[in-house]
Amino acid sequence: MNSRKCWLKLKLNDFIKWFEKLVPLELQEDFDNCGLQFGNLEREINKILISLDLDDKCVNKAIKENYDLVITHHPVIFHPLKSIIETENSVNTRLIKAIKNDICIYSSHTNLDRMEFGVSDALASKIGLKNTTNLKECDNKTGYGKYSDIGEISADDFIKLIKQNLKLDNVIVYGNTDCNVNRIAVVGGSGGHFIKDCVEKNCDVFISSEFKHDQQIDALDNDLLLIDIGHYESEKFILEPLKESIQTSFPDIKIDLNFLDKPTRKIF
């Protein structure tokens, strides 16, 4: 596609049609709310801001620098809204700010998780995993998570490698580290419900976030080492490849990324 020729004036409706061929909306889970959160389909799009969330920094940047469209990973409207009342530091406040400033919002969540170039693939690539396979297969040749084998390494040295490659000050580890590891699995976001898949695939290590107590016990009982790197920290690496995919088709559109200034957690 010759983007310069076809998209001299890019309307939101045309961009969505293109994007939903790249990341099909029908791949989202039933509980999800991907797609256009609000906006004028006839709005001309010249500047796009990509972020995991519509946080305060994101919406304020979008307003100040006149972005037409914000693409988020996590849906802005996830739970049903019974009212929209402006209160300090709430999703309602950010929604109202965006609406008042004519900023369109589009979210791509579980459908982006399932894509071959998606959230878990971006995390696996950053860690250094190669020749990865889907941890859990889904329809349409998509899936959740990635796993692959690496050269055998001590658990302690692998944890150091993770912190180095992902530029993390700390991680939370559940399980016995007095062992060597070889098969590594990753899931971006909250991945505890994929522990069974890790066990079935004979994985030694599972890198994800937000493991519940019963999930920790299941992992311990199956000699699976859990490394919790944080929800935000496990998903943020998708922003750059998503930008590159869009920019390739729309070279004249200005696209920027919004990252948090500080880590989302500290371990004291």
C-alpha atoms as a PDB file:
ATOM      1  CA  MET A   1       0.000   0.000   0.000  1.00  0.00           C
ATOM      2  CA  ASN A   2       1.342   3.424  -0.943  1.00  0.00           C
ATOM      3  CA  SER A   3       0.350   5.303   2.201  1.00  0.00           C
ATOM      4  CA  ARG A   4       1.500   8.703   0.942  1.00  0.00           C
ATOM      5  CA  LYS A   5      -0.817   8.400  -2.050  1.00  0.00           C
ATOM      6  CA  CYS A   6      -3.832   6.798  -0.355  1.00  0.00           C
ATOM      7  CA  TRP A   7      -3.926   8.725   2.927  1.00  0.00           C
ATOM      8  CA  LEU A   8      -3.386  12.386   2.087  1.00  0.00           C
ATOM      9  CA  LYS A   9      -6.107  13.147   4.620  1.00  0.00           C
ATOM     10  CA  LEU A  10      -6.556  10.321   7.090  1.00  0.00           C
ATOM     11  CA  LYS A  11      -9.938  10.158   8.808  1.00  0.00           C
ATOM     12  CA  LEU A  12     -10.430   8.219  12.027  1.00  0.00           C
ATOM     13  CA  ASN A  13     -12.878   5.844  10.344  1.00  0.00           C
ATOM     14  CA  ASP A  14     -10.299   4.927   7.663  1.00  0.00           C
ATOM     15  CA  PHE A  15      -7.561   4.456  10.248  1.00  0.00           C
ATOM     16  CA  ILE A  16      -9.752   2.113  12.317  1.00  0.00           C
ATOM     17  CA  LYS A  17     -10.564  -0.002   9.249  1.00  0.00           C
ATOM     18  CA  TRP A  18      -6.831  -0.351   8.568  1.00  0.00           C
ATOM     19  CA  PHE A  19      -5.918  -1.011  12.207  1.00  0.00           C
ATOM     20  CA  GLU A  20      -8.565  -3.687  12.663  1.00  0.00           C
ATOM     21  CA  LYS A  21      -7.041  -5.626   9.769  1.00  0.00           C
ATOM     22  CA  LEU A  22      -3.699  -5.463  11.588  1.00  0.00           C
ATOM     23  CA  VAL A  23      -5.234  -6.329  14.990  1.00  0.00           C
ATOM     24  CA  PRO A  24      -8.696  -7.849  14.384  1.00  0.00           C
ATOM     25  CA  LEU A  25     -11.336  -6.776  16.854  1.00  0.00           C
ATOM     26  CA  GLU A  26     -12.943 -10.241  16.847  1.00  0.00           C
ATOM     27  CA  LEU A  27      -9.878 -11.666  18.618  1.00  0.00           C
ATOM     28  CA  GLN A  28     -10.751  -9.900  21.865  1.00  0.00           C
ATOM     29  CA  GLU A  29     -12.143 -11.900  24.798  1.00  0.00           C
ATOM     30  CA  ASP A  30     -15.854 -11.719  25.660  1.00  0.00           C
ATOM     31  CA  PHE A  31     -15.158  -9.722  28.835  1.00  0.00           C
ATOM     32  CA  ASP A  32     -13.092  -7.125  26.996  1.00  0.00           C
ATOM     33  CA  ASN A  33     -14.021  -3.754  25.495  1.00  0.00           C
ATOM     34  CA  CYS A  34     -11.569  -3.117  22.675  1.00  0.00           C
ATOM     35  CA  GLY A  35     -12.154  -0.685  19.847  1.00  0.00           C
ATOM     36  CA  LEU A  36     -13.154   2.956  19.663  1.00  0.00           C
ATOM     37  CA  GLN A  37     -13.888   4.240  23.158  1.00  0.00           C
ATOM     38  CA  PHE A  38     -15.145   7.586  21.897  1.00  0.00           C
ATOM     39  CA  GLY A  39     -14.496  10.025  19.077  1.00  0.00           C
ATOM     40  CA  ASN A  40     -15.706  11.500  15.814  1.00  0.00           C
ATOM     41  CA  LEU A  41     -15.249   9.005  12.940  1.00  0.00           C
ATOM     42  CA  GLU A  42     -14.851  11.925  10.508  1.00  0.00           C
ATOM     43  CA  ARG A  43     -12.039  13.473  12.565  1.00  0.00           C
ATOM     44  CA  GLU A  44      -8.833  14.014  10.560  1.00  0.00           C
ATOM     45  CA  ILE A  45      -5.880  12.252  12.169  1.00  0.00           C
ATOM     46  CA  ASN A  46      -2.463  13.893  11.994  1.00  0.00           C
ATOM     47  CA  LYS A  47      -0.932  13.080  15.396  1.00  0.00           C
ATOM     48  CA  ILE A  48      -1.210   9.822  17.368  1.00  0.00           C
ATOM     49  CA  LEU A  49      -0.073   9.127  20.922  1.00  0.00           C
ATOM     50  CA  ILE A  50       0.333   5.472  22.016  1.00  0.00           C
ATOM     51  CA  SER A  51       0.205   4.513  25.692  1.00  0.00           C
ATOM     52  CA  LEU A  52      -0.581   1.511  27.883  1.00  0.00           C
ATOM     53  CA  ASP A  53      -3.146   3.583  29.778  1.00  0.00           C
ATOM     54  CA  LEU A  54      -4.943   6.898  29.591  1.00  0.00           C
ATOM     55  CA  ASP A  55      -3.123   8.109  32.693  1.00  0.00           C
ATOM     56  CA  ASP A  56      -2.915  11.754  33.754  1.00  0.00           C
ATOM     57  CA  LYS A  57       0.408  12.311  32.004  1.00  0.00           C
ATOM     58  CA  CYS A  58      -0.969  10.817  28.793  1.00  0.00           C
ATOM     59  CA  VAL A  59      -4.153  12.878  28.613  1.00  0.00           C
ATOM     60  CA  ASN A  60      -2.365  16.088  29.617  1.00  0.00           C
ATOM     61  CA  LYS A  61       0.305  15.527  26.947  1.00  0.00           C
ATOM     62  CA  ALA A  62      -2.383  14.813  24.364  1.00  0.00           C
ATOM     63  CA  ILE A  63      -4.141  18.083  25.213  1.00  0.00           C
ATOM     64  CA  LYS A  64      -1.003  20.239  25.411  1.00  0.00           C
ATOM     65  CA  GLU A  65       0.542  18.913  22.190  1.00  0.00           C
ATOM     66  CA  ASN A  66      -2.679  18.635  20.179  1.00  0.00           C
ATOM     67  CA  TYR A  67      -2.858  14.906  19.480  1.00  0.00           C
ATOM     68  CA  ASP A  68      -5.922  13.822  17.523  1.00  0.00           C
ATOM     69  CA  LEU A  69      -5.926  10.172  18.615  1.00  0.00           C
ATOM     70  CA  VAL A  70      -4.693   8.265  21.656  1.00  0.00           C
ATOM     71  CA  ILE A  71      -4.283   4.497  21.306  1.00  0.00           C
ATOM     72  CA  THR A  72      -4.198   2.639  24.629  1.00  0.00           C
ATOM     73  CA  HIS A  73      -3.621  -1.008  25.437  1.00  0.00           C
ATOM     74  CA  HIS A  74      -5.955  -1.086  28.433  1.00  0.00           C
ATOM     75  CA  PRO A  75      -9.520  -0.013  27.575  1.00  0.00           C
ATOM     76  CA  VAL A  76     -10.461   3.324  29.065  1.00  0.00           C
ATOM     77  CA  ILE A  77     -14.071   2.165  29.434  1.00  0.00           C
ATOM     78  CA  PHE A  78     -13.784  -1.350  30.832  1.00  0.00           C
ATOM     79  CA  HIS A  79     -16.486  -1.626  33.474  1.00  0.00           C
ATOM     80  CA  PRO A  80     -19.973  -0.265  32.687  1.00  0.00           C
ATOM     81  CA  LEU A  81     -20.282   3.444  33.444  1.00  0.00           C
ATOM     82  CA  LYS A  82     -23.468   4.380  35.286  1.00  0.00           C
ATOM     83  CA  SER A  83     -22.503   8.053  35.323  1.00  0.00           C
ATOM     84  CA  ILE A  84     -19.649  10.322  34.302  1.00  0.00           C
ATOM     85  CA  ILE A  85     -18.915  12.728  37.138  1.00  0.00           C
ATOM     86  CA  GLU A  86     -15.758  14.797  37.186  1.00  0.00           C
ATOM     87  CA  THR A  87     -13.724  13.997  40.287  1.00  0.00           C
ATOM     88  CA  GLU A  88     -10.045  14.348  41.021  1.00  0.00           C
ATOM     89  CA  ASN A  89      -7.682  11.634  39.695  1.00  0.00           C
ATOM     90  CA  SER A  90     -10.380   9.386  38.294  1.00  0.00           C
ATOM     91  CA  VAL A  91     -11.043   7.780  34.949  1.00  0.00           C
ATOM     92  CA  ASN A  92     -14.057  10.082  34.655  1.00  0.00           C
ATOM     93  CA  THR A  93     -11.842  13.157  34.914  1.00  0.00           C
ATOM     94  CA  ARG A  94      -9.562  11.896  32.163  1.00  0.00           C
ATOM     95  CA  LEU A  95     -12.513  10.935  29.972  1.00  0.00           C
ATOM     96  CA  ILE A  96     -14.072  14.359  30.363  1.00  0.00           C
ATOM     97  CA  LYS A  97     -10.753  16.082  29.605  1.00  0.00           C
ATOM     98  CA  ALA A  98     -10.347  14.082  26.417  1.00  0.00           C
ATOM     99  CA  ILE A  99     -13.918  14.657  25.286  1.00  0.00           C
ATOM    100  CA  LYS A 100     -13.723  18.399  25.954  1.00  0.00           C
ATOM    101  CA  ASN A 101     -10.561  18.608  23.855  1.00  0.00           C
ATOM    102  CA  ASP A 102     -11.898  16.479  20.984  1.00  0.00           C
ATOM    103  CA  ILE A 103      -9.308  13.732  21.491  1.00  0.00           C
ATOM    104  CA  CYS A 104     -10.337  10.336  20.099  1.00  0.00           C
ATOM    105  CA  ILE A 105      -9.512   7.228  22.125  1.00  0.00           C
ATOM    106  CA  TYR A 106      -9.039   3.712  20.735  1.00  0.00           C
ATOM    107  CA  SER A 107      -8.063   0.656  22.806  1.00  0.00           C
ATOM    108  CA  SER A 108      -6.504  -2.652  21.753  1.00  0.00           C
ATOM    109  CA  HIS A 109      -6.239  -5.105  24.650  1.00  0.00           C
ATOM    110  CA  THR A 110      -6.665  -8.899  24.540  1.00  0.00           C
ATOM    111  CA  ASN A 111      -6.721  -8.888  20.746  1.00  0.00           C
ATOM    112  CA  LEU A 112      -3.247  -7.287  20.790  1.00  0.00           C
ATOM    113  CA  ASP A 113      -2.153  -9.840  23.410  1.00  0.00           C
ATOM    114  CA  ARG A 114      -2.933 -12.653  20.978  1.00  0.00           C
ATOM    115  CA  MET A 115      -1.107 -11.289  17.935  1.00  0.00           C
ATOM    116  CA  GLU A 116       2.169 -12.820  16.770  1.00  0.00           C
ATOM    117  CA  PHE A 117       3.917  -9.457  17.232  1.00  0.00           C
ATOM    118  CA  GLY A 118       1.889  -8.718  20.375  1.00  0.00           C
ATOM    119  CA  VAL A 119       2.566  -8.015  24.034  1.00  0.00           C
ATOM    120  CA  SER A 120       4.164 -11.331  25.035  1.00  0.00           C
ATOM    121  CA  ASP A 121       6.223 -11.496  21.855  1.00  0.00           C
ATOM    122  CA  ALA A 122       7.612  -8.022  22.564  1.00  0.00           C
ATOM    123  CA  LEU A 123       8.523  -9.087  26.109  1.00  0.00           C
ATOM    124  CA  ALA A 124      10.122 -12.353  24.938  1.00  0.00           C
ATOM    125  CA  SER A 125      12.178 -10.476  22.358  1.00  0.00           C
ATOM    126  CA  LYS A 126      13.400  -7.971  24.952  1.00  0.00           C
ATOM    127  CA  ILE A 127      14.477 -10.795  27.269  1.00  0.00           C
ATOM    128  CA  GLY A 128      16.354 -12.416  24.405  1.00  0.00           C
ATOM    129  CA  LEU A 129      14.212 -15.494  23.767  1.00  0.00           C
ATOM    130  CA  LYS A 130      14.419 -16.866  20.231  1.00  0.00           C
ATOM    131  CA  ASN A 131      12.318 -19.309  18.184  1.00  0.00           C
ATOM    132  CA  THR A 132       9.367 -18.906  20.537  1.00  0.00           C
ATOM    133  CA  THR A 133       6.127 -20.885  20.488  1.00  0.00           C
ATOM    134  CA  ASN A 134       2.680 -19.873  21.756  1.00  0.00           C
ATOM    135  CA  LEU A 135       2.192 -20.923  25.372  1.00  0.00           C
ATOM    136  CA  LYS A 136      -1.564 -21.334  24.874  1.00  0.00           C
ATOM    137  CA  GLU A 137      -2.942 -21.824  21.389  1.00  0.00           C
ATOM    138  CA  CYS A 138      -6.127 -20.026  20.343  1.00  0.00           C
ATOM    139  CA  ASP A 139      -8.203 -19.905  17.170  1.00  0.00           C
ATOM    140  CA  ASN A 140      -7.003 -18.187  13.991  1.00  0.00           C
ATOM    141  CA  LYS A 141      -3.401 -19.305  14.577  1.00  0.00           C
ATOM    142  CA  THR A 142      -3.050 -16.880  17.494  1.00  0.00           C
ATOM    143  CA  GLY A 143      -2.258 -17.509  21.134  1.00  0.00           C
ATOM    144  CA  TYR A 144      -1.309 -16.196  24.554  1.00  0.00           C
ATOM    145  CA  GLY A 145       2.213 -16.114  25.926  1.00  0.00           C
ATOM    146  CA  LYS A 146       5.484 -17.391  24.515  1.00  0.00           C
ATOM    147  CA  TYR A 147       8.006 -20.012  25.539  1.00  0.00           C
ATOM    148  CA  SER A 148      11.344 -21.303  24.275  1.00  0.00           C
ATOM    149  CA  ASP A 149      14.529 -23.026  25.405  1.00  0.00           C
ATOM    150  CA  ILE A 150      17.771 -21.277  26.246  1.00  0.00           C
ATOM    151  CA  GLY A 151      21.195 -22.621  27.141  1.00  0.00           C
ATOM    152  CA  GLU A 152      21.084 -24.076  30.631  1.00  0.00           C
ATOM    153  CA  ILE A 153      21.845 -21.444  33.258  1.00  0.00           C
ATOM    154  CA  SER A 154      21.554 -21.163  37.025  1.00  0.00           C
ATOM    155  CA  ALA A 155      18.336 -19.606  38.272  1.00  0.00           C
ATOM    156  CA  ASP A 156      20.265 -16.884  40.091  1.00  0.00           C
ATOM    157  CA  ASP A 157      22.197 -15.927  36.957  1.00  0.00           C
ATOM    158  CA  PHE A 158      19.008 -15.951  34.885  1.00  0.00           C
ATOM    159  CA  ILE A 159      17.306 -13.589  37.330  1.00  0.00           C
ATOM    160  CA  LYS A 160      20.281 -11.227  37.042  1.00  0.00           C
ATOM    161  CA  LEU A 161      20.003 -11.453  33.248  1.00  0.00           C
ATOM    162  CA  ILE A 162      16.295 -10.565  33.374  1.00  0.00           C
ATOM    163  CA  LYS A 163      16.956  -7.505  35.506  1.00  0.00           C
ATOM    164  CA  GLN A 164      19.747  -6.428  33.182  1.00  0.00           C
ATOM    165  CA  ASN A 165      17.873  -6.919  29.897  1.00  0.00           C
ATOM    166  CA  LEU A 166      14.653  -5.314  31.137  1.00  0.00           C
ATOM    167  CA  LYS A 167      16.469  -2.599  33.119  1.00  0.00           C
ATOM    168  CA  LEU A 168      14.677  -3.502  36.357  1.00  0.00           C
ATOM    169  CA  ASP A 169      15.856  -2.575  39.840  1.00  0.00           C
ATOM    170  CA  ASN A 170      14.019  -5.525  41.339  1.00  0.00           C
ATOM    171  CA  VAL A 171      11.768  -8.496  40.671  1.00  0.00           C
ATOM    172  CA  ILE A 172       9.699 -10.753  42.944  1.00  0.00           C
ATOM    173  CA  VAL A 173      10.620 -14.431  42.801  1.00  0.00           C
ATOM    174  CA  TYR A 174       8.545 -17.375  44.034  1.00  0.00           C
ATOM    175  CA  GLY A 175      10.139 -20.814  44.231  1.00  0.00           C
ATOM    176  CA  ASN A 176      13.472 -22.557  44.569  1.00  0.00           C
ATOM    177  CA  THR A 177      16.351 -20.685  42.944  1.00  0.00           C
ATOM    178  CA  ASP A 178      18.924 -23.347  43.826  1.00  0.00           C
ATOM    179  CA  CYS A 179      18.657 -25.006  40.420  1.00  0.00           C
ATOM    180  CA  ASN A 180      19.431 -24.619  36.727  1.00  0.00           C
ATOM    181  CA  VAL A 181      16.793 -23.489  34.232  1.00  0.00           C
ATOM    182  CA  ASN A 182      16.347 -24.093  30.535  1.00  0.00           C
ATOM    183  CA  ARG A 183      12.762 -23.614  29.308  1.00  0.00           C
ATOM    184  CA  ILE A 184      11.374 -20.103  29.786  1.00  0.00           C
ATOM    185  CA  ALA A 185       7.775 -18.880  29.418  1.00  0.00           C
ATOM    186  CA  VAL A 186       6.471 -15.301  29.409  1.00  0.00           C
ATOM    187  CA  VAL A 187       3.056 -13.643  29.472  1.00  0.00           C
ATOM    188  CA  GLY A 188       2.673  -9.876  29.430  1.00  0.00           C
ATOM    189  CA  GLY A 189       0.286  -8.573  32.078  1.00  0.00           C
ATOM    190  CA  SER A 190      -1.419 -10.650  34.752  1.00  0.00           C
ATOM    191  CA  GLY A 191      -0.520 -14.221  33.824  1.00  0.00           C
ATOM    192  CA  GLY A 192      -1.232 -16.429  36.817  1.00  0.00           C
ATOM    193  CA  HIS A 193      -4.000 -18.367  35.071  1.00  0.00           C
ATOM    194  CA  PHE A 194      -1.431 -19.650  32.542  1.00  0.00           C
ATOM    195  CA  ILE A 195       0.545 -21.605  35.148  1.00  0.00           C
ATOM    196  CA  LYS A 196      -1.164 -24.839  34.090  1.00  0.00           C
ATOM    197  CA  ASP A 197      -0.003 -24.249  30.515  1.00  0.00           C
ATOM    198  CA  CYS A 198       3.563 -23.692  31.748  1.00  0.00           C
ATOM    199  CA  VAL A 199       3.457 -26.986  33.657  1.00  0.00           C
ATOM    200  CA  GLU A 200       2.078 -28.844  30.627  1.00  0.00           C
ATOM    201  CA  LYS A 201       4.898 -27.428  28.487  1.00  0.00           C
ATOM    202  CA  ASN A 202       7.520 -28.465  31.100  1.00  0.00           C
ATOM    203  CA  CYS A 203       8.696 -24.887  31.624  1.00  0.00           C
ATOM    204  CA  ASP A 204      11.251 -24.154  34.342  1.00  0.00           C
ATOM    205  CA  VAL A 205      10.537 -20.422  34.659  1.00  0.00           C
ATOM    206  CA  PHE A 206       7.443 -18.293  34.137  1.00  0.00           C
ATOM    207  CA  ILE A 207       7.863 -14.513  33.805  1.00  0.00           C
ATOM    208  CA  SER A 208       4.692 -12.453  34.215  1.00  0.00           C
ATOM    209  CA  SER A 209       3.017 -10.452  37.002  1.00  0.00           C
ATOM    210  CA  GLU A 210       0.404 -10.402  39.775  1.00  0.00           C
ATOM    211  CA  PHE A 211       0.511 -14.038  40.878  1.00  0.00           C
ATOM    212  CA  LYS A 212      -2.177 -14.904  43.432  1.00  0.00           C
ATOM    213  CA  HIS A 213      -1.365 -17.036  46.487  1.00  0.00           C
ATOM    214  CA  ASP A 214      -3.037 -20.198  45.186  1.00  0.00           C
ATOM    215  CA  GLN A 215      -1.212 -19.744  41.867  1.00  0.00           C
ATOM    216  CA  GLN A 216       2.088 -19.461  43.701  1.00  0.00           C
ATOM    217  CA  ILE A 217       1.349 -22.742  45.503  1.00  0.00           C
ATOM    218  CA  ASP A 218       0.462 -24.479  42.226  1.00  0.00           C
ATOM    219  CA  ALA A 219       3.763 -23.327  40.751  1.00  0.00           C
ATOM    220  CA  LEU A 220       5.768 -24.419  43.796  1.00  0.00           C
ATOM    221  CA  ASP A 221       4.138 -27.863  43.746  1.00  0.00           C
ATOM    222  CA  ASN A 222       5.244 -28.260  40.107  1.00  0.00           C
ATOM    223  CA  ASP A 223       8.803 -26.914  40.498  1.00  0.00           C
ATOM    224  CA  LEU A 224       7.949 -23.888  38.378  1.00  0.00           C
ATOM    225  CA  LEU A 225       9.915 -20.765  39.252  1.00  0.00           C
ATOM    226  CA  LEU A 226       7.795 -17.594  39.086  1.00  0.00           C
ATOM    227  CA  ILE A 227       9.335 -14.192  38.340  1.00  0.00           C
ATOM    228  CA  ASP A 228       6.980 -11.252  38.862  1.00  0.00           C
ATOM    229  CA  ILE A 229       8.363  -8.243  36.981  1.00  0.00           C
ATOM    230  CA  GLY A 230       5.282  -6.024  37.400  1.00  0.00           C
ATOM    231  CA  HIS A 231       2.243  -5.527  35.180  1.00  0.00           C
ATOM    232  CA  TYR A 232       3.365  -2.297  33.517  1.00  0.00           C
ATOM    233  CA  GLU A 233       6.951  -3.530  33.198  1.00  0.00           C
ATOM    234  CA  SER A 234       5.788  -6.683  31.403  1.00  0.00           C
ATOM    235  CA  GLU A 235       3.666  -4.844  28.822  1.00  0.00           C
ATOM    236  CA  LYS A 236       5.419  -1.580  27.999  1.00  0.00           C
ATOM    237  CA  PHE A 237       7.678  -3.120  25.335  1.00  0.00           C
ATOM    238  CA  ILE A 238       4.753  -3.488  22.908  1.00  0.00           C
ATOM    239  CA  LEU A 239       4.529   0.288  22.403  1.00  0.00           C
ATOM    240  CA  GLU A 240       7.563   0.607  20.140  1.00  0.00           C
ATOM    241  CA  PRO A 241       6.724  -2.241  17.704  1.00  0.00           C
ATOM    242  CA  LEU A 242       3.110  -1.033  17.562  1.00  0.00           C
ATOM    243  CA  LYS A 243       4.355   2.427  16.632  1.00  0.00           C
ATOM    244  CA  GLU A 244       6.620   0.959  13.949  1.00  0.00           C
ATOM    245  CA  SER A 245       3.767  -1.046  12.419  1.00  0.00           C
ATOM    246  CA  ILE A 246       1.555   2.032  12.166  1.00  0.00           C
ATOM    247  CA  GLN A 247       4.325   4.357  11.030  1.00  0.00           C
ATOM    248  CA  THR A 248       5.258   2.040   8.142  1.00  0.00           C
ATOM    249  CA  SER A 249       1.783   2.399   6.643  1.00  0.00           C
ATOM    250  CA  PHE A 250       1.314   6.055   7.600  1.00  0.00           C
ATOM    251  CA  PRO A 251       4.735   7.733   7.257  1.00  0.00           C
ATOM    252  CA  ASP A 252       3.253  11.247   7.247  1.00  0.00           C
ATOM    253  CA  ILE A 253       1.467  10.826  10.585  1.00  0.00           C
ATOM    254  CA  LYS A 254       3.365  11.961  13.689  1.00  0.00           C
ATOM    255  CA  ILE A 255       3.352   9.132  16.235  1.00  0.00           C
ATOM    256  CA  ASP A 256       4.757   9.339  19.753  1.00  0.00           C
ATOM    257  CA  LEU A 257       4.829   7.096  22.824  1.00  0.00           C
ATOM    258  CA  ASN A 258       3.806   7.799  26.393  1.00  0.00           C
ATOM    259  CA  PHE A 259       5.784   6.024  29.127  1.00  0.00           C
ATOM    260  CA  LEU A 260       5.493   6.443  32.872  1.00  0.00           C
ATOM    261  CA  ASP A 261       8.272   8.582  34.362  1.00  0.00           C
ATOM    262  CA  LYS A 262       8.692   6.299  37.388  1.00  0.00           C
ATOM    263  CA  PRO A 263       8.365   2.558  38.055  1.00  0.00           C
ATOM    264  CA  THR A 264       4.870   1.498  39.063  1.00  0.00           C
ATOM    265  CA  ARG A 265       6.130  -0.153  42.246  1.00  0.00           C
ATOM    266  CA  LYS A 266       9.042  -0.172  44.686  1.00  0.00           C
ATOM    267  CA  ILE A 267      10.160  -3.037  46.891  1.00  0.00           C
ATOM    268  CA  PHE A 268      11.568  -1.817  50.209  1.00  0.00           C
END
